[in-house]
Amino acid sequence: MNQVIRTDAAPAPVGAYPHARKVGDLLFLSGVGPRLPGSNGIPGNVHDADGRLISYDIEAQCRQVFANVRAVLEASGAAWTDLVDVTVFLTDMQRDFAVYNRLYAEHFVGVDACRTTLGITALPTPIAIELKCIAALPHAETPAR
């Protein structure tokens, strides 16, 4: 099995790539950020009169990025509990790690995915967090969840 996944339930990718790709029993998600599906707005971002980002709310962005990952998983026939590996990119590790780590613990109860968190200097859009995930798909003979 090799299938490309695209969904309107998650924000459109910012480049020429799909939301996810199924290869065998694995699902590889492209980087998922906290943009809102449909509007591409970024929760918690505050801009000045010239449109420059002056502040952001990492909690709002974490909650939205988790919702976006869930939307891609569901569109792919997978569930939150199918996650096996999560790579997280934060643009301000020192400022945001504690809040992100608390919210991650709340949202990932019962999910024993491996996790790597990286501090980076920037992402392609004015977001503070992005997730890159891999899920193990349920077998076809397994009843739907």
N, C-alpha and C. Protein backbone atom coordinates (compact mmCIF):
# COMPACT_ATOMS: atom_id res chain seq x y z
N MET A 1 0.84 -1.17 0.00
CA MET A 1 0.00 0.00 0.00
C MET A 1 0.89 1.24 0.00
N ASN A 2 0.57 2.18 -0.86
CA ASN A 2 1.28 3.44 -0.95
C ASN A 2 0.26 4.47 -1.38
N GLN A 3 -0.17 5.33 -0.45
CA GLN A 3 -1.27 6.24 -0.72
C GLN A 3 -0.96 7.62 -0.16
N VAL A 4 -1.28 8.65 -0.93
CA VAL A 4 -1.12 10.03 -0.51
C VAL A 4 -2.43 10.49 0.14
N ILE A 5 -2.32 11.21 1.25
CA ILE A 5 -3.49 11.70 1.99
C ILE A 5 -3.52 13.22 1.94
N ARG A 6 -4.68 13.75 1.57
CA ARG A 6 -4.94 15.19 1.62
C ARG A 6 -6.32 15.35 2.26
N THR A 7 -6.49 16.37 3.09
CA THR A 7 -7.77 16.56 3.75
C THR A 7 -8.07 18.04 3.97
N ASP A 8 -9.33 18.39 3.87
CA ASP A 8 -9.76 19.76 4.18
C ASP A 8 -9.94 19.95 5.68
N ALA A 9 -9.88 18.88 6.46
CA ALA A 9 -10.06 18.96 7.91
C ALA A 9 -8.84 19.55 8.61
N ALA A 10 -7.73 19.64 7.89
CA ALA A 10 -6.49 20.23 8.42
C ALA A 10 -6.11 21.41 7.52
N PRO A 11 -5.29 22.33 8.02
CA PRO A 11 -4.86 23.44 7.16
C PRO A 11 -4.09 22.92 5.95
N ALA A 12 -4.22 23.61 4.85
CA ALA A 12 -3.51 23.23 3.64
C ALA A 12 -2.00 23.30 3.87
N PRO A 13 -1.24 22.38 3.30
CA PRO A 13 0.22 22.47 3.40
C PRO A 13 0.72 23.78 2.81
N VAL A 14 1.83 24.29 3.32
CA VAL A 14 2.38 25.55 2.82
C VAL A 14 3.32 25.34 1.64
N GLY A 15 3.42 24.10 1.17
CA GLY A 15 4.28 23.79 0.04
C GLY A 15 3.68 22.66 -0.78
N ALA A 16 4.47 22.16 -1.70
CA ALA A 16 4.02 21.10 -2.62
C ALA A 16 4.25 19.73 -1.98
N TYR A 17 3.43 19.39 -1.01
CA TYR A 17 3.52 18.10 -0.34
C TYR A 17 2.15 17.75 0.23
N PRO A 18 1.90 16.47 0.47
CA PRO A 18 0.61 16.05 1.02
C PRO A 18 0.60 16.16 2.55
N HIS A 19 -0.57 16.02 3.12
CA HIS A 19 -0.67 15.98 4.58
C HIS A 19 0.04 14.74 5.14
N ALA A 20 -0.13 13.63 4.44
CA ALA A 20 0.47 12.38 4.92
C ALA A 20 0.62 11.41 3.76
N ARG A 21 1.36 10.34 4.04
CA ARG A 21 1.54 9.29 3.05
C ARG A 21 1.58 7.95 3.77
N LYS A 22 0.73 7.04 3.30
CA LYS A 22 0.72 5.67 3.82
C LYS A 22 1.71 4.85 3.01
N VAL A 23 2.57 4.11 3.69
CA VAL A 23 3.50 3.19 3.06
C VAL A 23 3.47 1.91 3.90
N GLY A 24 2.89 0.87 3.35
CA GLY A 24 2.71 -0.36 4.12
C GLY A 24 1.81 -0.09 5.31
N ASP A 25 2.25 -0.50 6.47
CA ASP A 25 1.47 -0.29 7.70
C ASP A 25 1.88 0.98 8.44
N LEU A 26 2.64 1.84 7.78
CA LEU A 26 3.08 3.08 8.42
C LEU A 26 2.45 4.29 7.76
N LEU A 27 2.21 5.31 8.58
CA LEU A 27 1.68 6.58 8.10
C LEU A 27 2.68 7.66 8.49
N PHE A 28 3.16 8.40 7.50
CA PHE A 28 4.12 9.47 7.71
C PHE A 28 3.41 10.80 7.50
N LEU A 29 3.32 11.62 8.55
CA LEU A 29 2.71 12.93 8.43
C LEU A 29 3.77 13.95 8.06
N SER A 30 3.41 14.84 7.14
CA SER A 30 4.28 15.99 6.88
C SER A 30 4.24 16.88 8.11
N GLY A 31 5.14 17.83 8.20
CA GLY A 31 5.13 18.75 9.34
C GLY A 31 3.78 19.41 9.48
N VAL A 32 3.24 19.41 10.69
CA VAL A 32 1.92 19.97 10.97
C VAL A 32 2.09 21.13 11.94
N GLY A 33 1.57 22.27 11.56
CA GLY A 33 1.63 23.45 12.42
C GLY A 33 0.26 23.78 12.99
N PRO A 34 0.18 24.90 13.71
CA PRO A 34 -1.06 25.27 14.39
C PRO A 34 -2.00 26.17 13.59
N ARG A 35 -1.82 26.27 12.29
CA ARG A 35 -2.73 27.12 11.51
C ARG A 35 -4.15 26.56 11.56
N LEU A 36 -5.14 27.42 11.44
CA LEU A 36 -6.53 27.02 11.48
C LEU A 36 -6.98 26.52 10.10
N PRO A 37 -7.65 25.38 10.05
CA PRO A 37 -8.16 24.90 8.76
C PRO A 37 -9.11 25.94 8.16
N GLY A 38 -9.00 26.16 6.88
CA GLY A 38 -9.89 27.10 6.20
C GLY A 38 -9.37 28.52 6.15
N SER A 39 -8.99 29.09 7.29
CA SER A 39 -8.57 30.50 7.30
C SER A 39 -7.06 30.67 7.30
N ASN A 40 -6.34 29.65 7.73
CA ASN A 40 -4.88 29.72 7.90
C ASN A 40 -4.45 30.69 8.99
N GLY A 41 -5.41 31.20 9.78
CA GLY A 41 -5.06 32.03 10.92
C GLY A 41 -4.24 31.22 11.92
N ILE A 42 -3.47 31.91 12.74
CA ILE A 42 -2.63 31.25 13.73
C ILE A 42 -3.11 31.68 15.11
N PRO A 43 -3.67 30.73 15.87
CA PRO A 43 -4.21 31.08 17.20
C PRO A 43 -3.15 31.72 18.10
N GLY A 44 -3.54 32.81 18.74
CA GLY A 44 -2.67 33.45 19.72
C GLY A 44 -1.64 34.40 19.17
N ASN A 45 -1.52 34.51 17.83
CA ASN A 45 -0.55 35.46 17.28
C ASN A 45 -1.11 36.88 17.37
N VAL A 46 -0.26 37.82 17.79
CA VAL A 46 -0.63 39.23 17.84
C VAL A 46 0.37 39.99 16.97
N HIS A 47 -0.16 40.82 16.06
CA HIS A 47 0.69 41.59 15.14
C HIS A 47 0.54 43.08 15.40
N ASP A 48 1.58 43.84 15.09
CA ASP A 48 1.48 45.29 15.21
C ASP A 48 0.80 45.86 13.97
N ALA A 49 0.68 47.17 13.90
CA ALA A 49 -0.02 47.84 12.80
C ALA A 49 0.63 47.56 11.44
N ASP A 50 1.92 47.24 11.45
CA ASP A 50 2.63 46.94 10.20
C ASP A 50 2.61 45.45 9.85
N GLY A 51 1.92 44.66 10.67
CA GLY A 51 1.81 43.24 10.38
C GLY A 51 2.93 42.38 10.95
N ARG A 52 3.82 42.99 11.73
CA ARG A 52 4.91 42.22 12.34
C ARG A 52 4.40 41.50 13.58
N LEU A 53 4.85 40.27 13.76
CA LEU A 53 4.48 39.48 14.92
C LEU A 53 5.12 40.10 16.17
N ILE A 54 4.28 40.40 17.18
CA ILE A 54 4.84 40.98 18.41
C ILE A 54 4.69 40.02 19.60
N SER A 55 3.75 39.08 19.52
CA SER A 55 3.65 38.08 20.59
C SER A 55 2.83 36.89 20.08
N TYR A 56 2.93 35.80 20.83
CA TYR A 56 2.15 34.60 20.50
C TYR A 56 1.81 33.86 21.77
N ASP A 57 0.83 32.99 21.67
CA ASP A 57 0.36 32.19 22.80
C ASP A 57 0.70 30.73 22.51
N ILE A 58 1.74 30.22 23.16
CA ILE A 58 2.18 28.84 22.89
C ILE A 58 1.10 27.83 23.28
N GLU A 59 0.33 28.10 24.31
CA GLU A 59 -0.72 27.15 24.70
C GLU A 59 -1.76 27.03 23.59
N ALA A 60 -2.20 28.15 23.04
CA ALA A 60 -3.18 28.11 21.95
C ALA A 60 -2.60 27.39 20.74
N GLN A 61 -1.33 27.62 20.44
CA GLN A 61 -0.71 26.96 19.30
C GLN A 61 -0.55 25.46 19.54
N CYS A 62 -0.20 25.06 20.75
CA CYS A 62 -0.08 23.63 21.05
C CYS A 62 -1.42 22.93 20.88
N ARG A 63 -2.46 23.51 21.44
CA ARG A 63 -3.79 22.89 21.34
C ARG A 63 -4.21 22.74 19.87
N GLN A 64 -3.94 23.75 19.05
CA GLN A 64 -4.34 23.69 17.65
C GLN A 64 -3.48 22.70 16.86
N VAL A 65 -2.19 22.63 17.14
CA VAL A 65 -1.35 21.69 16.40
C VAL A 65 -1.76 20.25 16.74
N PHE A 66 -2.11 19.99 17.99
CA PHE A 66 -2.58 18.65 18.35
C PHE A 66 -3.90 18.34 17.62
N ALA A 67 -4.80 19.32 17.52
CA ALA A 67 -6.06 19.11 16.80
C ALA A 67 -5.79 18.85 15.32
N ASN A 68 -4.82 19.54 14.74
CA ASN A 68 -4.50 19.35 13.33
C ASN A 68 -3.89 17.97 13.08
N VAL A 69 -3.02 17.52 13.97
CA VAL A 69 -2.45 16.18 13.83
C VAL A 69 -3.58 15.15 13.90
N ARG A 70 -4.48 15.31 14.85
CA ARG A 70 -5.60 14.38 14.99
C ARG A 70 -6.45 14.35 13.71
N ALA A 71 -6.68 15.51 13.10
CA ALA A 71 -7.47 15.58 11.87
C ALA A 71 -6.79 14.81 10.73
N VAL A 72 -5.48 14.94 10.59
CA VAL A 72 -4.76 14.22 9.54
C VAL A 72 -4.79 12.71 9.82
N LEU A 73 -4.59 12.34 11.07
CA LEU A 73 -4.65 10.92 11.43
C LEU A 73 -6.01 10.33 11.07
N GLU A 74 -7.08 11.01 11.47
CA GLU A 74 -8.43 10.50 11.21
C GLU A 74 -8.73 10.43 9.72
N ALA A 75 -8.26 11.41 8.96
CA ALA A 75 -8.46 11.39 7.51
C ALA A 75 -7.71 10.24 6.85
N SER A 76 -6.71 9.74 7.55
CA SER A 76 -5.87 8.65 7.05
C SER A 76 -6.32 7.28 7.53
N GLY A 77 -7.37 7.24 8.36
CA GLY A 77 -7.83 5.98 8.92
C GLY A 77 -7.07 5.55 10.15
N ALA A 78 -6.36 6.48 10.76
CA ALA A 78 -5.58 6.19 11.96
C ALA A 78 -6.19 6.93 13.15
N ALA A 79 -5.70 6.61 14.32
CA ALA A 79 -6.17 7.25 15.55
C ALA A 79 -4.97 7.80 16.32
N TRP A 80 -5.27 8.68 17.26
CA TRP A 80 -4.25 9.29 18.11
C TRP A 80 -3.36 8.23 18.76
N THR A 81 -3.97 7.13 19.19
CA THR A 81 -3.22 6.06 19.87
C THR A 81 -2.33 5.25 18.92
N ASP A 82 -2.43 5.49 17.61
CA ASP A 82 -1.58 4.81 16.65
C ASP A 82 -0.22 5.50 16.48
N LEU A 83 -0.05 6.68 17.08
CA LEU A 83 1.23 7.39 16.97
C LEU A 83 2.35 6.57 17.60
N VAL A 84 3.47 6.47 16.89
CA VAL A 84 4.63 5.75 17.42
C VAL A 84 5.86 6.65 17.55
N ASP A 85 5.88 7.77 16.85
CA ASP A 85 7.03 8.66 16.91
C ASP A 85 6.58 10.08 16.64
N VAL A 86 6.99 11.01 17.51
CA VAL A 86 6.63 12.42 17.37
C VAL A 86 7.90 13.25 17.50
N THR A 87 8.16 14.06 16.49
CA THR A 87 9.25 15.02 16.55
C THR A 87 8.63 16.40 16.65
N VAL A 88 9.06 17.17 17.63
CA VAL A 88 8.49 18.48 17.90
C VAL A 88 9.56 19.54 17.69
N PHE A 89 9.18 20.59 16.98
CA PHE A 89 10.07 21.72 16.73
C PHE A 89 9.51 22.94 17.46
N LEU A 90 10.30 23.53 18.34
CA LEU A 90 9.91 24.75 19.06
C LEU A 90 10.87 25.87 18.68
N THR A 91 10.32 27.05 18.41
CA THR A 91 11.19 28.17 18.03
C THR A 91 11.78 28.89 19.24
N ASP A 92 11.25 28.62 20.45
CA ASP A 92 11.83 29.21 21.67
C ASP A 92 11.76 28.17 22.78
N MET A 93 12.74 27.29 22.80
CA MET A 93 12.76 26.18 23.75
C MET A 93 12.71 26.69 25.19
N GLN A 94 13.50 27.68 25.52
CA GLN A 94 13.57 28.16 26.90
C GLN A 94 12.22 28.71 27.36
N ARG A 95 11.56 29.49 26.54
CA ARG A 95 10.29 30.12 26.91
C ARG A 95 9.13 29.13 26.89
N ASP A 96 9.10 28.22 25.92
CA ASP A 96 7.88 27.45 25.63
C ASP A 96 7.88 26.00 26.07
N PHE A 97 9.04 25.44 26.41
CA PHE A 97 9.08 24.00 26.68
C PHE A 97 8.17 23.58 27.83
N ALA A 98 8.16 24.30 28.92
CA ALA A 98 7.36 23.88 30.08
C ALA A 98 5.87 23.81 29.74
N VAL A 99 5.35 24.80 29.06
CA VAL A 99 3.92 24.79 28.69
C VAL A 99 3.65 23.66 27.70
N TYR A 100 4.47 23.58 26.66
CA TYR A 100 4.31 22.51 25.68
C TYR A 100 4.38 21.13 26.34
N ASN A 101 5.34 20.92 27.22
CA ASN A 101 5.51 19.62 27.86
C ASN A 101 4.30 19.26 28.73
N ARG A 102 3.73 20.24 29.43
CA ARG A 102 2.52 20.01 30.23
C ARG A 102 1.34 19.62 29.34
N LEU A 103 1.15 20.35 28.25
CA LEU A 103 0.03 20.06 27.34
C LEU A 103 0.24 18.73 26.62
N TYR A 104 1.47 18.43 26.27
CA TYR A 104 1.78 17.14 25.64
C TYR A 104 1.36 16.01 26.59
N ALA A 105 1.74 16.13 27.86
CA ALA A 105 1.38 15.10 28.84
C ALA A 105 -0.13 14.94 28.97
N GLU A 106 -0.87 16.04 28.90
CA GLU A 106 -2.33 15.98 28.99
C GLU A 106 -2.94 15.31 27.76
N HIS A 107 -2.43 15.61 26.58
CA HIS A 107 -3.01 15.10 25.33
C HIS A 107 -2.54 13.70 24.96
N PHE A 108 -1.39 13.28 25.46
CA PHE A 108 -0.83 12.00 25.05
C PHE A 108 -0.99 10.91 26.11
N VAL A 109 -1.98 11.03 26.96
CA VAL A 109 -2.27 10.00 27.96
C VAL A 109 -2.57 8.70 27.23
N GLY A 110 -1.89 7.63 27.61
CA GLY A 110 -2.12 6.33 26.97
C GLY A 110 -1.43 6.15 25.63
N VAL A 111 -0.69 7.13 25.19
CA VAL A 111 0.04 7.04 23.93
C VAL A 111 1.53 6.93 24.28
N ASP A 112 2.12 5.81 23.93
CA ASP A 112 3.52 5.59 24.26
C ASP A 112 4.43 5.85 23.07
N ALA A 113 4.19 6.96 22.39
CA ALA A 113 5.02 7.31 21.23
C ALA A 113 6.39 7.79 21.70
N CYS A 114 7.39 7.47 20.92
CA CYS A 114 8.72 8.05 21.15
C CYS A 114 8.62 9.54 20.82
N ARG A 115 9.46 10.36 21.45
CA ARG A 115 9.37 11.79 21.22
C ARG A 115 10.76 12.41 21.22
N THR A 116 10.95 13.33 20.29
CA THR A 116 12.15 14.16 20.24
C THR A 116 11.68 15.60 20.14
N THR A 117 12.26 16.48 20.95
CA THR A 117 11.90 17.90 20.91
C THR A 117 13.16 18.69 20.57
N LEU A 118 13.06 19.50 19.53
CA LEU A 118 14.20 20.28 19.05
C LEU A 118 13.90 21.77 19.15
N GLY A 119 14.89 22.54 19.57
CA GLY A 119 14.80 23.99 19.53
C GLY A 119 15.40 24.46 18.22
N ILE A 120 14.64 25.26 17.49
CA ILE A 120 15.09 25.77 16.18
C ILE A 120 14.90 27.28 16.15
N THR A 121 15.49 27.94 15.17
CA THR A 121 15.41 29.40 15.12
C THR A 121 14.18 29.92 14.39
N ALA A 122 13.61 29.14 13.47
CA ALA A 122 12.46 29.63 12.71
C ALA A 122 11.74 28.48 12.01
N LEU A 123 10.49 28.74 11.67
CA LEU A 123 9.69 27.85 10.84
C LEU A 123 9.22 28.66 9.64
N PRO A 124 8.71 28.02 8.58
CA PRO A 124 8.39 28.75 7.35
C PRO A 124 7.27 29.79 7.46
N THR A 125 6.42 29.66 8.47
CA THR A 125 5.37 30.65 8.70
C THR A 125 5.52 31.12 10.15
N PRO A 126 4.84 32.19 10.57
CA PRO A 126 5.05 32.71 11.93
C PRO A 126 4.36 31.85 13.01
N ILE A 127 4.85 30.63 13.15
CA ILE A 127 4.35 29.70 14.15
C ILE A 127 5.48 29.37 15.12
N ALA A 128 5.12 28.93 16.32
CA ALA A 128 6.12 28.64 17.34
C ALA A 128 6.34 27.15 17.54
N ILE A 129 5.49 26.30 16.92
CA ILE A 129 5.58 24.86 17.11
C ILE A 129 5.16 24.15 15.84
N GLU A 130 5.81 23.02 15.57
CA GLU A 130 5.43 22.15 14.46
C GLU A 130 5.72 20.71 14.90
N LEU A 131 4.85 19.78 14.48
CA LEU A 131 5.03 18.37 14.80
C LEU A 131 5.23 17.57 13.53
N LYS A 132 6.10 16.59 13.59
CA LYS A 132 6.34 15.61 12.52
C LYS A 132 6.08 14.26 13.15
N CYS A 133 5.12 13.50 12.61
CA CYS A 133 4.67 12.28 13.28
C CYS A 133 4.69 11.07 12.37
N ILE A 134 4.85 9.91 13.00
CA ILE A 134 4.73 8.62 12.32
C ILE A 134 3.74 7.80 13.14
N ALA A 135 2.82 7.13 12.44
CA ALA A 135 1.84 6.27 13.10
C ALA A 135 1.92 4.88 12.49
N ALA A 136 1.61 3.88 13.29
CA ALA A 136 1.48 2.50 12.82
C ALA A 136 0.00 2.27 12.59
N LEU A 137 -0.37 1.97 11.35
CA LEU A 137 -1.78 1.82 11.00
C LEU A 137 -2.33 0.51 11.51
N PRO A 138 -3.60 0.55 11.90
CA PRO A 138 -4.24 -0.71 12.30
C PRO A 138 -4.37 -1.62 11.08
N HIS A 139 -4.30 -2.92 11.30
CA HIS A 139 -4.45 -3.86 10.20
C HIS A 139 -5.87 -3.83 9.68
N ALA A 140 -6.04 -4.17 8.41
CA ALA A 140 -7.35 -4.12 7.75
C ALA A 140 -8.37 -4.98 8.47
N GLU A 141 -7.95 -6.11 9.05
CA GLU A 141 -8.90 -6.98 9.71
C GLU A 141 -9.31 -6.49 11.10
N THR A 142 -8.64 -5.44 11.60
CA THR A 142 -8.99 -4.88 12.88
C THR A 142 -10.26 -4.05 12.73
N PRO A 143 -11.25 -4.19 13.60
CA PRO A 143 -12.46 -3.38 13.50
C PRO A 143 -12.13 -1.90 13.58
N ALA A 144 -12.93 -1.09 12.89
CA ALA A 144 -12.73 0.36 12.91
C ALA A 144 -12.88 0.89 14.32
N ARG A 145 -12.15 1.97 14.63
CA ARG A 145 -12.19 2.56 15.97
C ARG A 145 -13.18 3.68 16.03
